[in-house]
Each structure stands twice: as structure tokens, then as C-alpha cells.
Amino acid sequence: MSDPKPRILIVDDEPDLLAVLHFGLEAEGFDVVEASDGERGLELARTVQPALIVLDLMLPRLDGYKVCRALKFDERYRNIPIFILSARSGETDRRLALDLGADAYMTKPYDMKDLVARIRARLDVAGEAAA
């Protein structure tokens, strides 16, 4: 029996970006779950226990900073890697996201190959730590 596909949760309110990320990550062998607002993203993170979260900052209902903080300050979810993928390119935004526990910060537009490589590298490291 083969290993299950790593589950990636994408949280972004742009339908076109969600579709492209979903298709691209699925094509790379990931199981993809998506949410289009912060509240739903937080709920899914807690219920589906993804291997990694790709999170936008500017979201309806609950912004990405709050989602990141809620997960990283909770013992049960703090080890889920969070990659911020945001149109906000300022150093202040990047620093705040990382201070709240984000594991990586990438700006839009992004390179899918780079994103996939960074996800795989992070999951490999997490897998080795769990072994």
C-alpha cells in the first residue's frame, strides 16, 4: 500500500487563484482542501489536520494573521507548517506573519515550481522530525 498523499489546505478568497493552486498542487500529488475565508480556513485546519497550509493574509471574516496566530498558539495545531502567500510585499507584513509563527512568506505573483519545491522541502523536514 502506498503512503497517503499529503493534504494541503489552501485559504484564499480569490476564486481564480484557488483554482490554479488546487489544480497545480493536485497535479504534483497532493490532496488539496480549500477555503475562501479565514473562519472556514481555521475550521478546516482544525478538522482535517492538513500537512501544510497555504494562507492568504487579506481574507474575509477572519484575516490570515488571526488564523495563523490561532493555530500557532494552540498546542494541538502549532506544528502544522503555514506558508503565507500574499499580495502584501512589505517588510512589516512579512515580519509580522513570521513573528506570529508562519513558516514561510511568499508574495504574489508566485512561481508554482518554487512553491511546490518549498512545500516538499518543508514536508520532508517535518517527516524526518516525526520519524
Protein backbone atom coordinates (compact mmCIF):
# COMPACT_ATOMS: atom_id res chain seq x y z
CA MET A 1 0.00 0.00 0.00
CA SER A 2 1.36 3.44 -0.88
CA ASP A 3 1.65 6.35 1.50
CA PRO A 4 -1.36 8.66 1.56
CA LYS A 5 -0.99 11.93 -0.30
CA PRO A 6 -0.01 14.85 1.93
CA ARG A 7 -3.04 17.08 2.46
CA ILE A 8 -2.59 20.79 1.73
CA LEU A 9 -5.14 23.37 2.89
CA ILE A 10 -5.33 26.49 0.71
CA VAL A 11 -7.06 29.53 2.22
CA ASP A 12 -7.59 32.37 -0.26
CA ASP A 13 -10.57 34.48 -1.28
CA GLU A 14 -9.63 34.79 -4.96
CA PRO A 15 -11.51 32.03 -6.85
CA ASP A 16 -9.09 32.04 -9.81
CA LEU A 17 -6.06 31.69 -7.55
CA LEU A 18 -7.76 28.92 -5.55
CA ALA A 19 -8.47 27.03 -8.76
CA VAL A 20 -4.92 27.39 -10.10
CA LEU A 21 -3.33 26.40 -6.79
CA HIS A 22 -5.74 23.49 -6.34
CA PHE A 23 -5.06 22.14 -9.83
CA GLY A 24 -1.30 22.72 -9.62
CA LEU A 25 -0.86 21.09 -6.21
CA GLU A 26 -3.13 18.18 -7.09
CA ALA A 27 -1.08 17.61 -10.27
CA GLU A 28 2.01 17.42 -8.02
CA GLY A 29 0.46 14.61 -5.99
CA PHE A 30 -1.08 16.46 -3.07
CA ASP A 31 -4.58 16.04 -1.63
CA VAL A 32 -5.99 19.58 -1.66
CA VAL A 33 -8.68 21.13 0.54
CA GLU A 34 -9.67 24.76 0.16
CA ALA A 35 -11.44 27.58 1.97
CA SER A 36 -12.31 31.06 0.74
CA ASP A 37 -12.45 32.88 4.08
CA GLY A 38 -10.48 32.85 7.31
CA GLU A 39 -13.18 31.37 9.55
CA ARG A 40 -13.69 28.39 7.23
CA GLY A 41 -9.93 28.00 6.85
CA LEU A 42 -9.47 27.87 10.62
CA GLU A 43 -12.32 25.37 10.96
CA LEU A 44 -10.86 23.12 8.23
CA ALA A 45 -7.35 23.35 9.70
CA ARG A 46 -8.74 22.05 12.98
CA THR A 47 -10.84 19.27 11.45
CA VAL A 48 -8.83 17.90 8.51
CA GLN A 49 -5.38 18.33 10.12
CA PRO A 50 -3.51 19.23 6.90
CA ALA A 51 0.18 18.51 6.44
CA LEU A 52 0.66 22.19 5.46
CA ILE A 53 -1.44 25.36 4.99
CA VAL A 54 -1.05 27.93 2.20
CA LEU A 55 -2.66 31.05 3.67
CA ASP A 56 -3.50 34.49 2.28
CA LEU A 57 -3.42 37.47 4.65
CA MET A 58 -6.30 39.55 3.29
CA LEU A 59 -9.34 37.35 3.86
CA PRO A 60 -12.99 37.98 4.65
CA ARG A 61 -14.42 37.12 8.09
CA LEU A 62 -11.02 36.48 9.74
CA ASP A 63 -7.71 37.72 8.33
CA GLY A 64 -4.72 35.47 7.76
CA TYR A 65 -2.77 36.95 10.67
CA LYS A 66 -5.53 35.87 13.08
CA VAL A 67 -5.80 32.41 11.51
CA CYS A 68 -2.03 31.95 11.79
CA ARG A 69 -1.96 33.16 15.39
CA ALA A 70 -4.92 30.98 16.43
CA LEU A 71 -3.22 27.87 15.06
CA LYS A 72 0.34 28.60 16.16
CA PHE A 73 -0.66 29.49 19.72
CA ASP A 74 -2.64 26.24 20.14
CA GLU A 75 -0.64 23.16 21.21
CA ARG A 76 -2.78 20.88 19.02
CA TYR A 77 -2.07 22.71 15.75
CA ARG A 78 1.20 24.60 16.25
CA ASN A 79 3.24 22.05 14.29
CA ILE A 80 1.24 22.46 11.08
CA PRO A 81 3.51 24.47 8.75
CA ILE A 82 1.92 27.68 7.44
CA PHE A 83 3.10 29.30 4.22
CA ILE A 84 1.81 32.82 3.73
CA LEU A 85 1.07 33.63 0.08
CA SER A 86 0.10 37.29 -0.08
CA ALA A 87 -0.04 40.30 -2.38
CA ARG A 88 1.38 42.30 0.54
CA SER A 89 5.07 42.62 -0.18
CA GLY A 90 6.09 44.99 2.62
CA GLU A 91 8.74 44.02 5.15
CA THR A 92 6.37 44.88 8.04
CA ASP A 93 3.77 42.39 6.78
CA ARG A 94 6.41 39.70 6.29
CA ARG A 95 7.92 40.26 9.73
CA LEU A 96 4.54 40.26 11.49
CA ALA A 97 3.49 37.00 9.79
CA LEU A 98 6.77 35.31 10.73
CA ASP A 99 6.55 36.67 14.30
CA LEU A 100 3.07 35.11 14.57
CA GLY A 101 4.54 31.74 13.63
CA ALA A 102 4.31 31.49 9.84
CA ASP A 103 6.96 29.14 8.47
CA ALA A 104 7.43 30.91 5.13
CA TYR A 105 6.32 34.09 3.39
CA MET A 106 5.91 34.33 -0.38
CA THR A 107 4.43 37.16 -2.40
CA LYS A 108 2.02 37.12 -5.31
CA PRO A 109 2.61 36.70 -8.14
CA TYR A 110 4.39 33.48 -7.23
CA ASP A 111 6.20 30.74 -9.10
CA MET A 112 4.36 27.40 -8.82
CA LYS A 113 7.57 25.35 -9.15
CA ASP A 114 9.18 27.36 -6.34
CA LEU A 115 6.09 26.99 -4.14
CA VAL A 116 5.95 23.21 -4.72
CA ALA A 117 9.69 22.86 -4.05
CA ARG A 118 9.37 24.79 -0.79
CA ILE A 119 6.33 22.73 0.27
CA ARG A 120 8.12 19.46 -0.49
CA ALA A 121 11.26 20.61 1.37
CA ARG A 122 9.22 21.62 4.41
CA LEU A 123 7.23 18.37 4.45
CA ASP A 124 10.43 16.32 4.08
CA VAL A 125 11.92 18.10 7.09
CA ALA A 126 8.69 17.63 9.09
CA GLY A 127 8.57 13.95 8.10
CA GLU A 128 12.14 13.37 9.25
CA ALA A 129 11.43 15.07 12.57
CA ALA A 130 8.40 12.84 13.15
CA ALA A 131 10.33 9.66 12.31
